[in-house]
Amino acid sequence: MVGSGSFGGGGEESFTGRAAIGYDHGYDGEIFYLGLAIDPHYVDGWVEGCLERIGEDYPEEELLFRDLFEDETQREVVIESLKADCEVRTGRPAGL
């Protein structure tokens, strides 16, 4: 599913590079790598993957998290909430 996500729910722009990796980790893997957390592209892709996964079963919850993520003061709250539902690993995946 690499490169098929689009931040903002239904946009036309596909992810590439670390954003695509983050999307896959959030959507398919439910994994967050602390070693990639400093890369905003990875984090944005990961958040989008998590939100799309959540939206499949709970569309209202997805919309709530999207609204909160758009608010700069709430971004960290959303990230921490999403990380609570994922496996958090130190370092980076092999090959990165």
PDB file of N, CA and C in Angstrom:
ATOM      1  N   MET A   1       0.811  -1.189   0.000  1.00  0.00           N
ATOM      2  CA  MET A   1       0.000   0.000   0.000  1.00  0.00           C
ATOM      3  C   MET A   1       0.861   1.261   0.000  1.00  0.00           C
ATOM      4  N   VAL A   2       2.155   1.134  -0.140  1.00  0.00           N
ATOM      5  CA  VAL A   2       3.042   2.288  -0.138  1.00  0.00           C
ATOM      6  C   VAL A   2       2.646   3.259  -1.224  1.00  0.00           C
ATOM      7  N   GLY A   3       2.601   4.529  -0.847  1.00  0.00           N
ATOM      8  CA  GLY A   3       2.328   5.566  -1.813  1.00  0.00           C
ATOM      9  C   GLY A   3       0.874   5.766  -2.148  1.00  0.00           C
ATOM     10  N   SER A   4      -0.016   5.092  -1.462  1.00  0.00           N
ATOM     11  CA  SER A   4      -1.417   5.229  -1.834  1.00  0.00           C
ATOM     12  C   SER A   4      -2.194   6.123  -0.892  1.00  0.00           C
ATOM     13  N   GLY A   5      -1.598   6.581   0.157  1.00  0.00           N
ATOM     14  CA  GLY A   5      -2.310   7.424   1.111  1.00  0.00           C
ATOM     15  C   GLY A   5      -2.319   8.874   0.687  1.00  0.00           C
ATOM     16  N   SER A   6      -3.231   9.635   1.269  1.00  0.00           N
ATOM     17  CA  SER A   6      -3.290  11.061   0.989  1.00  0.00           C
ATOM     18  C   SER A   6      -3.767  11.769   2.227  1.00  0.00           C
ATOM     19  N   PHE A   7      -2.969  12.666   2.753  1.00  0.00           N
ATOM     20  CA  PHE A   7      -3.315  13.313   4.008  1.00  0.00           C
ATOM     21  C   PHE A   7      -4.501  14.241   3.822  1.00  0.00           C
ATOM     22  N   GLY A   8      -5.359  14.270   4.819  1.00  0.00           N
ATOM     23  CA  GLY A   8      -6.513  15.148   4.778  1.00  0.00           C
ATOM     24  C   GLY A   8      -7.775  14.435   4.362  1.00  0.00           C
ATOM     25  N   GLY A   9      -7.701  13.160   4.162  1.00  0.00           N
ATOM     26  CA  GLY A   9      -8.893  12.369   3.868  1.00  0.00           C
ATOM     27  C   GLY A   9      -9.428  12.563   2.474  1.00  0.00           C
ATOM     28  N   GLY A  10      -8.928  11.791   1.556  1.00  0.00           N
ATOM     29  CA  GLY A  10      -9.499  11.800   0.222  1.00  0.00           C
ATOM     30  C   GLY A  10      -8.841  12.747  -0.739  1.00  0.00           C
ATOM     31  N   GLY A  11      -7.672  13.303  -0.383  1.00  0.00           N
ATOM     32  CA  GLY A  11      -6.975  14.169  -1.313  1.00  0.00           C
ATOM     33  C   GLY A  11      -6.413  13.371  -2.466  1.00  0.00           C
ATOM     34  N   GLU A  12      -5.858  14.065  -3.449  1.00  0.00           N
ATOM     35  CA  GLU A  12      -5.352  13.386  -4.631  1.00  0.00           C
ATOM     36  C   GLU A  12      -3.852  13.141  -4.565  1.00  0.00           C
ATOM     37  N   GLU A  13      -3.154  13.728  -3.610  1.00  0.00           N
ATOM     38  CA  GLU A  13      -1.713  13.628  -3.529  1.00  0.00           C
ATOM     39  C   GLU A  13      -1.307  12.340  -2.830  1.00  0.00           C
ATOM     40  N   SER A  14      -0.431  11.551  -3.461  1.00  0.00           N
ATOM     41  CA  SER A  14       0.046  10.303  -2.875  1.00  0.00           C
ATOM     42  C   SER A  14       1.307  10.555  -2.077  1.00  0.00           C
ATOM     43  N   PHE A  15       1.526   9.699  -1.075  1.00  0.00           N
ATOM     44  CA  PHE A  15       2.729   9.791  -0.272  1.00  0.00           C
ATOM     45  C   PHE A  15       3.900   9.169  -1.009  1.00  0.00           C
ATOM     46  N   THR A  16       5.088   9.697  -0.746  1.00  0.00           N
ATOM     47  CA  THR A  16       6.320   9.122  -1.256  1.00  0.00           C
ATOM     48  C   THR A  16       7.339   9.131  -0.130  1.00  0.00           C
ATOM     49  N   GLY A  17       8.414   8.401  -0.287  1.00  0.00           N
ATOM     50  CA  GLY A  17       9.508   8.406   0.666  1.00  0.00           C
ATOM     51  C   GLY A  17       9.078   8.011   2.069  1.00  0.00           C
ATOM     52  N   ARG A  18       9.562   8.752   3.040  1.00  0.00           N
ATOM     53  CA  ARG A  18       9.270   8.436   4.440  1.00  0.00           C
ATOM     54  C   ARG A  18       7.794   8.591   4.777  1.00  0.00           C
ATOM     55  N   ALA A  19       7.089   9.474   4.103  1.00  0.00           N
ATOM     56  CA  ALA A  19       5.651   9.612   4.357  1.00  0.00           C
ATOM     57  C   ALA A  19       4.928   8.322   3.979  1.00  0.00           C
ATOM     58  N   ALA A  20       5.332   7.693   2.878  1.00  0.00           N
ATOM     59  CA  ALA A  20       4.719   6.430   2.460  1.00  0.00           C
ATOM     60  C   ALA A  20       5.045   5.318   3.452  1.00  0.00           C
ATOM     61  N   ILE A  21       6.270   5.322   3.958  1.00  0.00           N
ATOM     62  CA  ILE A  21       6.664   4.337   4.969  1.00  0.00           C
ATOM     63  C   ILE A  21       5.832   4.545   6.227  1.00  0.00           C
ATOM     64  N   GLY A  22       5.692   5.796   6.649  1.00  0.00           N
ATOM     65  CA  GLY A  22       4.874   6.103   7.820  1.00  0.00           C
ATOM     66  C   GLY A  22       3.433   5.679   7.633  1.00  0.00           C
ATOM     67  N   TYR A  23       2.892   5.920   6.443  1.00  0.00           N
ATOM     68  CA  TYR A  23       1.512   5.521   6.155  1.00  0.00           C
ATOM     69  C   TYR A  23       1.352   4.015   6.337  1.00  0.00           C
ATOM     70  N   ASP A  24       2.260   3.247   5.760  1.00  0.00           N
ATOM     71  CA  ASP A  24       2.187   1.786   5.883  1.00  0.00           C
ATOM     72  C   ASP A  24       2.314   1.339   7.334  1.00  0.00           C
ATOM     73  N   HIS A  25       3.209   1.977   8.074  1.00  0.00           N
ATOM     74  CA  HIS A  25       3.372   1.614   9.486  1.00  0.00           C
ATOM     75  C   HIS A  25       2.106   1.922  10.281  1.00  0.00           C
ATOM     76  N   GLY A  26       1.432   3.002   9.966  1.00  0.00           N
ATOM     77  CA  GLY A  26       0.206   3.362  10.680  1.00  0.00           C
ATOM     78  C   GLY A  26      -0.997   2.552  10.261  1.00  0.00           C
ATOM     79  N   TYR A  27      -1.112   2.284   8.973  1.00  0.00           N
ATOM     80  CA  TYR A  27      -2.295   1.594   8.457  1.00  0.00           C
ATOM     81  C   TYR A  27      -2.182   0.074   8.594  1.00  0.00           C
ATOM     82  N   ASP A  28      -1.143  -0.496   8.042  1.00  0.00           N
ATOM     83  CA  ASP A  28      -1.006  -1.951   8.016  1.00  0.00           C
ATOM     84  C   ASP A  28      -0.289  -2.505   9.248  1.00  0.00           C
ATOM     85  N   GLY A  29       0.796  -1.860   9.631  1.00  0.00           N
ATOM     86  CA  GLY A  29       1.649  -2.423  10.665  1.00  0.00           C
ATOM     87  C   GLY A  29       1.262  -2.064  12.087  1.00  0.00           C
ATOM     88  N   GLU A  30       0.566  -0.951  12.248  1.00  0.00           N
ATOM     89  CA  GLU A  30       0.246  -0.433  13.579  1.00  0.00           C
ATOM     90  C   GLU A  30       1.513  -0.365  14.431  1.00  0.00           C
ATOM     91  N   ILE A  31       2.566   0.215  13.829  1.00  0.00           N
ATOM     92  CA  ILE A  31       3.884   0.353  14.451  1.00  0.00           C
ATOM     93  C   ILE A  31       4.305   1.817  14.346  1.00  0.00           C
ATOM     94  N   PHE A  32       4.972   2.320  15.388  1.00  0.00           N
ATOM     95  CA  PHE A  32       5.552   3.655  15.353  1.00  0.00           C
ATOM     96  C   PHE A  32       7.016   3.532  15.735  1.00  0.00           C
ATOM     97  N   TYR A  33       7.918   4.012  14.878  1.00  0.00           N
ATOM     98  CA  TYR A  33       9.352   3.962  15.146  1.00  0.00           C
ATOM     99  C   TYR A  33       9.829   5.293  15.712  1.00  0.00           C
ATOM    100  N   LEU A  34      10.344   5.256  16.929  1.00  0.00           N
ATOM    101  CA  LEU A  34      10.826   6.474  17.575  1.00  0.00           C
ATOM    102  C   LEU A  34      12.003   7.074  16.821  1.00  0.00           C
ATOM    103  N   GLY A  35      12.806   6.228  16.154  1.00  0.00           N
ATOM    104  CA  GLY A  35      13.944   6.718  15.392  1.00  0.00           C
ATOM    105  C   GLY A  35      13.561   7.534  14.172  1.00  0.00           C
ATOM    106  N   LEU A  36      12.310   7.456  13.758  1.00  0.00           N
ATOM    107  CA  LEU A  36      11.822   8.246  12.616  1.00  0.00           C
ATOM    108  C   LEU A  36      10.911   9.390  13.044  1.00  0.00           C
ATOM    109  N   ALA A  37      10.690   9.507  14.335  1.00  0.00           N
ATOM    110  CA  ALA A  37       9.735  10.495  14.853  1.00  0.00           C
ATOM    111  C   ALA A  37      10.157  11.937  14.613  1.00  0.00           C
ATOM    112  N   ILE A  38      11.426  12.175  14.351  1.00  0.00           N
ATOM    113  CA  ILE A  38      11.865  13.550  14.099  1.00  0.00           C
ATOM    114  C   ILE A  38      11.586  13.994  12.666  1.00  0.00           C
ATOM    115  N   ASP A  39      11.193  13.062  11.824  1.00  0.00           N
ATOM    116  CA  ASP A  39      10.886  13.378  10.425  1.00  0.00           C
ATOM    117  C   ASP A  39       9.393  13.681  10.299  1.00  0.00           C
ATOM    118  N   PRO A  40       9.032  14.942  10.057  1.00  0.00           N
ATOM    119  CA  PRO A  40       7.608  15.291   9.974  1.00  0.00           C
ATOM    120  C   PRO A  40       6.867  14.566   8.858  1.00  0.00           C
ATOM    121  N   HIS A  41       7.562  14.195   7.790  1.00  0.00           N
ATOM    122  CA  HIS A  41       6.920  13.451   6.699  1.00  0.00           C
ATOM    123  C   HIS A  41       6.502  12.062   7.174  1.00  0.00           C
ATOM    124  N   TYR A  42       7.386  11.414   7.938  1.00  0.00           N
ATOM    125  CA  TYR A  42       7.060  10.101   8.489  1.00  0.00           C
ATOM    126  C   TYR A  42       5.854  10.218   9.424  1.00  0.00           C
ATOM    127  N   VAL A  43       5.887  11.195  10.307  1.00  0.00           N
ATOM    128  CA  VAL A  43       4.808  11.354  11.285  1.00  0.00           C
ATOM    129  C   VAL A  43       3.486  11.656  10.590  1.00  0.00           C
ATOM    130  N   ASP A  44       3.487  12.555   9.621  1.00  0.00           N
ATOM    131  CA  ASP A  44       2.245  12.868   8.898  1.00  0.00           C
ATOM    132  C   ASP A  44       1.697  11.642   8.171  1.00  0.00           C
ATOM    133  N   GLY A  45       2.580  10.875   7.518  1.00  0.00           N
ATOM    134  CA  GLY A  45       2.148   9.652   6.842  1.00  0.00           C
ATOM    135  C   GLY A  45       1.610   8.634   7.823  1.00  0.00           C
ATOM    136  N   TRP A  46       2.282   8.501   8.960  1.00  0.00           N
ATOM    137  CA  TRP A  46       1.854   7.547   9.991  1.00  0.00           C
ATOM    138  C   TRP A  46       0.484   7.935  10.548  1.00  0.00           C
ATOM    139  N   VAL A  47       0.283   9.219  10.839  1.00  0.00           N
ATOM    140  CA  VAL A  47      -1.007   9.684  11.348  1.00  0.00           C
ATOM    141  C   VAL A  47      -2.099   9.395  10.323  1.00  0.00           C
ATOM    142  N   GLU A  48      -1.840   9.699   9.057  1.00  0.00           N
ATOM    143  CA  GLU A  48      -2.838   9.448   8.008  1.00  0.00           C
ATOM    144  C   GLU A  48      -3.184   7.963   7.924  1.00  0.00           C
ATOM    145  N   GLY A  49      -2.163   7.104   7.982  1.00  0.00           N
ATOM    146  CA  GLY A  49      -2.427   5.664   7.946  1.00  0.00           C
ATOM    147  C   GLY A  49      -3.275   5.214   9.126  1.00  0.00           C
ATOM    148  N   CYS A  50      -2.953   5.707  10.305  1.00  0.00           N
ATOM    149  CA  CYS A  50      -3.742   5.367  11.500  1.00  0.00           C
ATOM    150  C   CYS A  50      -5.182   5.845  11.365  1.00  0.00           C
ATOM    151  N   LEU A  51      -5.343   7.088  10.895  1.00  0.00           N
ATOM    152  CA  LEU A  51      -6.696   7.639  10.794  1.00  0.00           C
ATOM    153  C   LEU A  51      -7.531   6.888   9.761  1.00  0.00           C
ATOM    154  N   GLU A  52      -6.933   6.513   8.643  1.00  0.00           N
ATOM    155  CA  GLU A  52      -7.695   5.751   7.649  1.00  0.00           C
ATOM    156  C   GLU A  52      -8.089   4.382   8.192  1.00  0.00           C
ATOM    157  N   ARG A  53      -7.191   3.757   8.951  1.00  0.00           N
ATOM    158  CA  ARG A  53      -7.506   2.458   9.567  1.00  0.00           C
ATOM    159  C   ARG A  53      -8.660   2.611  10.557  1.00  0.00           C
ATOM    160  N   ILE A  54      -8.609   3.635  11.383  1.00  0.00           N
ATOM    161  CA  ILE A  54      -9.673   3.896  12.363  1.00  0.00           C
ATOM    162  C   ILE A  54     -10.986   4.199  11.649  1.00  0.00           C
ATOM    163  N   GLY A  55     -10.918   4.992  10.583  1.00  0.00           N
ATOM    164  CA  GLY A  55     -12.112   5.415   9.857  1.00  0.00           C
ATOM    165  C   GLY A  55     -12.888   4.283   9.212  1.00  0.00           C
ATOM    166  N   GLU A  56     -12.232   3.169   8.961  1.00  0.00           N
ATOM    167  CA  GLU A  56     -12.938   2.033   8.367  1.00  0.00           C
ATOM    168  C   GLU A  56     -14.013   1.487   9.310  1.00  0.00           C
ATOM    169  N   ASP A  57     -13.754   1.540  10.607  1.00  0.00           N
ATOM    170  CA  ASP A  57     -14.713   1.043  11.594  1.00  0.00           C
ATOM    171  C   ASP A  57     -15.425   2.153  12.356  1.00  0.00           C
ATOM    172  N   TYR A  58     -14.743   3.294  12.523  1.00  0.00           N
ATOM    173  CA  TYR A  58     -15.287   4.386  13.338  1.00  0.00           C
ATOM    174  C   TYR A  58     -15.093   5.729  12.626  1.00  0.00           C
ATOM    175  N   PRO A  59     -15.898   6.012  11.607  1.00  0.00           N
ATOM    176  CA  PRO A  59     -15.697   7.244  10.831  1.00  0.00           C
ATOM    177  C   PRO A  59     -15.821   8.529  11.654  1.00  0.00           C
ATOM    178  N   GLU A  60     -16.676   8.540  12.654  1.00  0.00           N
ATOM    179  CA  GLU A  60     -16.818   9.752  13.475  1.00  0.00           C
ATOM    180  C   GLU A  60     -15.553  10.012  14.281  1.00  0.00           C
ATOM    181  N   GLU A  61     -14.934   8.939  14.783  1.00  0.00           N
ATOM    182  CA  GLU A  61     -13.694   9.078  15.544  1.00  0.00           C
ATOM    183  C   GLU A  61     -12.570   9.581  14.641  1.00  0.00           C
ATOM    184  N   GLU A  62     -12.536   9.080  13.413  1.00  0.00           N
ATOM    185  CA  GLU A  62     -11.533   9.558  12.458  1.00  0.00           C
ATOM    186  C   GLU A  62     -11.671  11.059  12.248  1.00  0.00           C
ATOM    187  N   LEU A  63     -12.887  11.532  12.042  1.00  0.00           N
ATOM    188  CA  LEU A  63     -13.108  12.962  11.815  1.00  0.00           C
ATOM    189  C   LEU A  63     -12.715  13.800  13.025  1.00  0.00           C
ATOM    190  N   LEU A  64     -13.002  13.303  14.211  1.00  0.00           N
ATOM    191  CA  LEU A  64     -12.615  14.012  15.427  1.00  0.00           C
ATOM    192  C   LEU A  64     -11.096  14.146  15.505  1.00  0.00           C
ATOM    193  N   PHE A  65     -10.388  13.033  15.278  1.00  0.00           N
ATOM    194  CA  PHE A  65      -8.925  13.076  15.320  1.00  0.00           C
ATOM    195  C   PHE A  65      -8.360  13.986  14.232  1.00  0.00           C
ATOM    196  N   ARG A  66      -8.960  13.981  13.039  1.00  0.00           N
ATOM    197  CA  ARG A  66      -8.497  14.864  11.966  1.00  0.00           C
ATOM    198  C   ARG A  66      -8.640  16.335  12.364  1.00  0.00           C
ATOM    199  N   ASP A  67      -9.799  16.670  12.919  1.00  0.00           N
ATOM    200  CA  ASP A  67     -10.018  18.057  13.354  1.00  0.00           C
ATOM    201  C   ASP A  67      -9.002  18.472  14.411  1.00  0.00           C
ATOM    202  N   LEU A  68      -8.752  17.583  15.354  1.00  0.00           N
ATOM    203  CA  LEU A  68      -7.776  17.884  16.403  1.00  0.00           C
ATOM    204  C   LEU A  68      -6.370  18.006  15.836  1.00  0.00           C
ATOM    205  N   PHE A  69      -6.009  17.140  14.887  1.00  0.00           N
ATOM    206  CA  PHE A  69      -4.672  17.158  14.310  1.00  0.00           C
ATOM    207  C   PHE A  69      -4.412  18.443  13.528  1.00  0.00           C
ATOM    208  N   GLU A  70      -5.449  19.012  12.950  1.00  0.00           N
ATOM    209  CA  GLU A  70      -5.303  20.269  12.218  1.00  0.00           C
ATOM    210  C   GLU A  70      -4.969  21.441  13.152  1.00  0.00           C
ATOM    211  N   ASP A  71      -5.338  21.322  14.415  1.00  0.00           N
ATOM    212  CA  ASP A  71      -5.046  22.348  15.425  1.00  0.00           C
ATOM    213  C   ASP A  71      -3.630  22.110  15.947  1.00  0.00           C
ATOM    214  N   GLU A  72      -2.711  23.014  15.641  1.00  0.00           N
ATOM    215  CA  GLU A  72      -1.300  22.862  16.034  1.00  0.00           C
ATOM    216  C   GLU A  72      -1.142  22.587  17.527  1.00  0.00           C
ATOM    217  N   THR A  73      -2.019  23.120  18.343  1.00  0.00           N
ATOM    218  CA  THR A  73      -1.901  22.928  19.795  1.00  0.00           C
ATOM    219  C   THR A  73      -2.324  21.529  20.230  1.00  0.00           C
ATOM    220  N   GLN A  74      -2.973  20.766  19.352  1.00  0.00           N
ATOM    221  CA  GLN A  74      -3.474  19.437  19.700  1.00  0.00           C
ATOM    222  C   GLN A  74      -2.751  18.300  18.983  1.00  0.00           C
ATOM    223  N   ARG A  75      -1.802  18.629  18.123  1.00  0.00           N
ATOM    224  CA  ARG A  75      -1.111  17.600  17.336  1.00  0.00           C
ATOM    225  C   ARG A  75      -0.450  16.543  18.209  1.00  0.00           C
ATOM    226  N   GLU A  76       0.259  16.962  19.222  1.00  0.00           N
ATOM    227  CA  GLU A  76       0.952  16.005  20.096  1.00  0.00           C
ATOM    228  C   GLU A  76      -0.035  15.115  20.840  1.00  0.00           C
ATOM    229  N   VAL A  77      -1.183  15.663  21.217  1.00  0.00           N
ATOM    230  CA  VAL A  77      -2.208  14.872  21.893  1.00  0.00           C
ATOM    231  C   VAL A  77      -2.705  13.764  20.967  1.00  0.00           C
ATOM    232  N   VAL A  78      -2.938  14.108  19.709  1.00  0.00           N
ATOM    233  CA  VAL A  78      -3.394  13.118  18.729  1.00  0.00           C
ATOM    234  C   VAL A  78      -2.323  12.058  18.515  1.00  0.00           C
ATOM    235  N   ILE A  79      -1.085  12.474  18.347  1.00  0.00           N
ATOM    236  CA  ILE A  79       0.006  11.523  18.117  1.00  0.00           C
ATOM    237  C   ILE A  79       0.133  10.569  19.299  1.00  0.00           C
ATOM    238  N   GLU A  80       0.106  11.087  20.502  1.00  0.00           N
ATOM    239  CA  GLU A  80       0.223  10.228  21.683  1.00  0.00           C
ATOM    240  C   GLU A  80      -0.972   9.279  21.800  1.00  0.00           C
ATOM    241  N   SER A  81      -2.157   9.753  21.469  1.00  0.00           N
ATOM    242  CA  SER A  81      -3.350   8.891  21.516  1.00  0.00           C
ATOM    243  C   SER A  81      -3.245   7.755  20.505  1.00  0.00           C
ATOM    244  N   LEU A  82      -2.776   8.073  19.310  1.00  0.00           N
ATOM    245  CA  LEU A  82      -2.627   7.045  18.279  1.00  0.00           C
ATOM    246  C   LEU A  82      -1.515   6.061  18.627  1.00  0.00           C
ATOM    247  N   LYS A  83      -0.438   6.561  19.219  1.00  0.00           N
ATOM    248  CA  LYS A  83       0.655   5.677  19.618  1.00  0.00           C
ATOM    249  C   LYS A  83       0.200   4.669  20.668  1.00  0.00           C
ATOM    250  N   ALA A  84      -0.774   5.037  21.483  1.00  0.00           N
ATOM    251  CA  ALA A  84      -1.268   4.132  22.522  1.00  0.00           C
ATOM    252  C   ALA A  84      -1.887   2.869  21.923  1.00  0.00           C
ATOM    253  N   ASP A  85      -2.352   2.950  20.675  1.00  0.00           N
ATOM    254  CA  ASP A  85      -2.954   1.798  19.998  1.00  0.00           C
ATOM    255  C   ASP A  85      -1.987   1.074  19.069  1.00  0.00           C
ATOM    256  N   CYS A  86      -0.725   1.467  19.078  1.00  0.00           N
ATOM    257  CA  CYS A  86       0.279   0.859  18.204  1.00  0.00           C
ATOM    258  C   CYS A  86       1.438   0.314  19.022  1.00  0.00           C
ATOM    259  N   GLU A  87       2.212  -0.515  18.368  1.00  0.00           N
ATOM    260  CA  GLU A  87       3.468  -0.970  18.970  1.00  0.00           C
ATOM    261  C   GLU A  87       4.501   0.123  18.723  1.00  0.00           C
ATOM    262  N   VAL A  88       5.116   0.613  19.780  1.00  0.00           N
ATOM    263  CA  VAL A  88       6.147   1.644  19.673  1.00  0.00           C
ATOM    264  C   VAL A  88       7.498   0.959  19.772  1.00  0.00           C
ATOM    265  N   ARG A  89       8.329   1.164  18.746  1.00  0.00           N
ATOM    266  CA  ARG A  89       9.655   0.548  18.705  1.00  0.00           C
ATOM    267  C   ARG A  89      10.722   1.617  18.704  1.00  0.00           C
ATOM    268  N   THR A  90      11.833   1.320  19.371  1.00  0.00           N
ATOM    269  CA  THR A  90      12.958   2.225  19.330  1.00  0.00           C
ATOM    270  C   THR A  90      13.711   2.033  18.020  1.00  0.00           C
ATOM    271  N   GLY A  91      14.525   2.977  17.686  1.00  0.00           N
ATOM    272  CA  GLY A  91      15.333   2.870  16.474  1.00  0.00           C
ATOM    273  C   GLY A  91      14.532   3.047  15.209  1.00  0.00           C
ATOM    274  N   ARG A  92      15.065   2.451  14.151  1.00  0.00           N
ATOM    275  CA  ARG A  92      14.468   2.545  12.818  1.00  0.00           C
ATOM    276  C   ARG A  92      14.306   1.146  12.252  1.00  0.00           C
ATOM    277  N   PRO A  93      13.408   0.978  11.289  1.00  0.00           N
ATOM    278  CA  PRO A  93      13.294  -0.330  10.640  1.00  0.00           C
ATOM    279  C   PRO A  93      14.561  -0.612   9.821  1.00  0.00           C
ATOM    280  N   ALA A  94      14.835  -1.869   9.600  1.00  0.00           N
ATOM    281  CA  ALA A  94      16.008  -2.260   8.800  1.00  0.00           C
ATOM    282  C   ALA A  94      15.944  -1.611   7.422  1.00  0.00           C
ATOM    283  N   GLY A  95      17.054  -1.108   6.977  1.00  0.00           N
ATOM    284  CA  GLY A  95      17.120  -0.505   5.659  1.00  0.00           C
ATOM    285  C   GLY A  95      16.888   0.985   5.645  1.00  0.00           C
ATOM    286  N   LEU A  96      16.555   1.571   6.784  1.00  0.00           N
ATOM    287  CA  LEU A  96      16.353   3.028   6.817  1.00  0.00           C
ATOM    288  C   LEU A  96      17.416   3.599   7.698  1.00  0.00           C
TER     289      LEU A  96
END
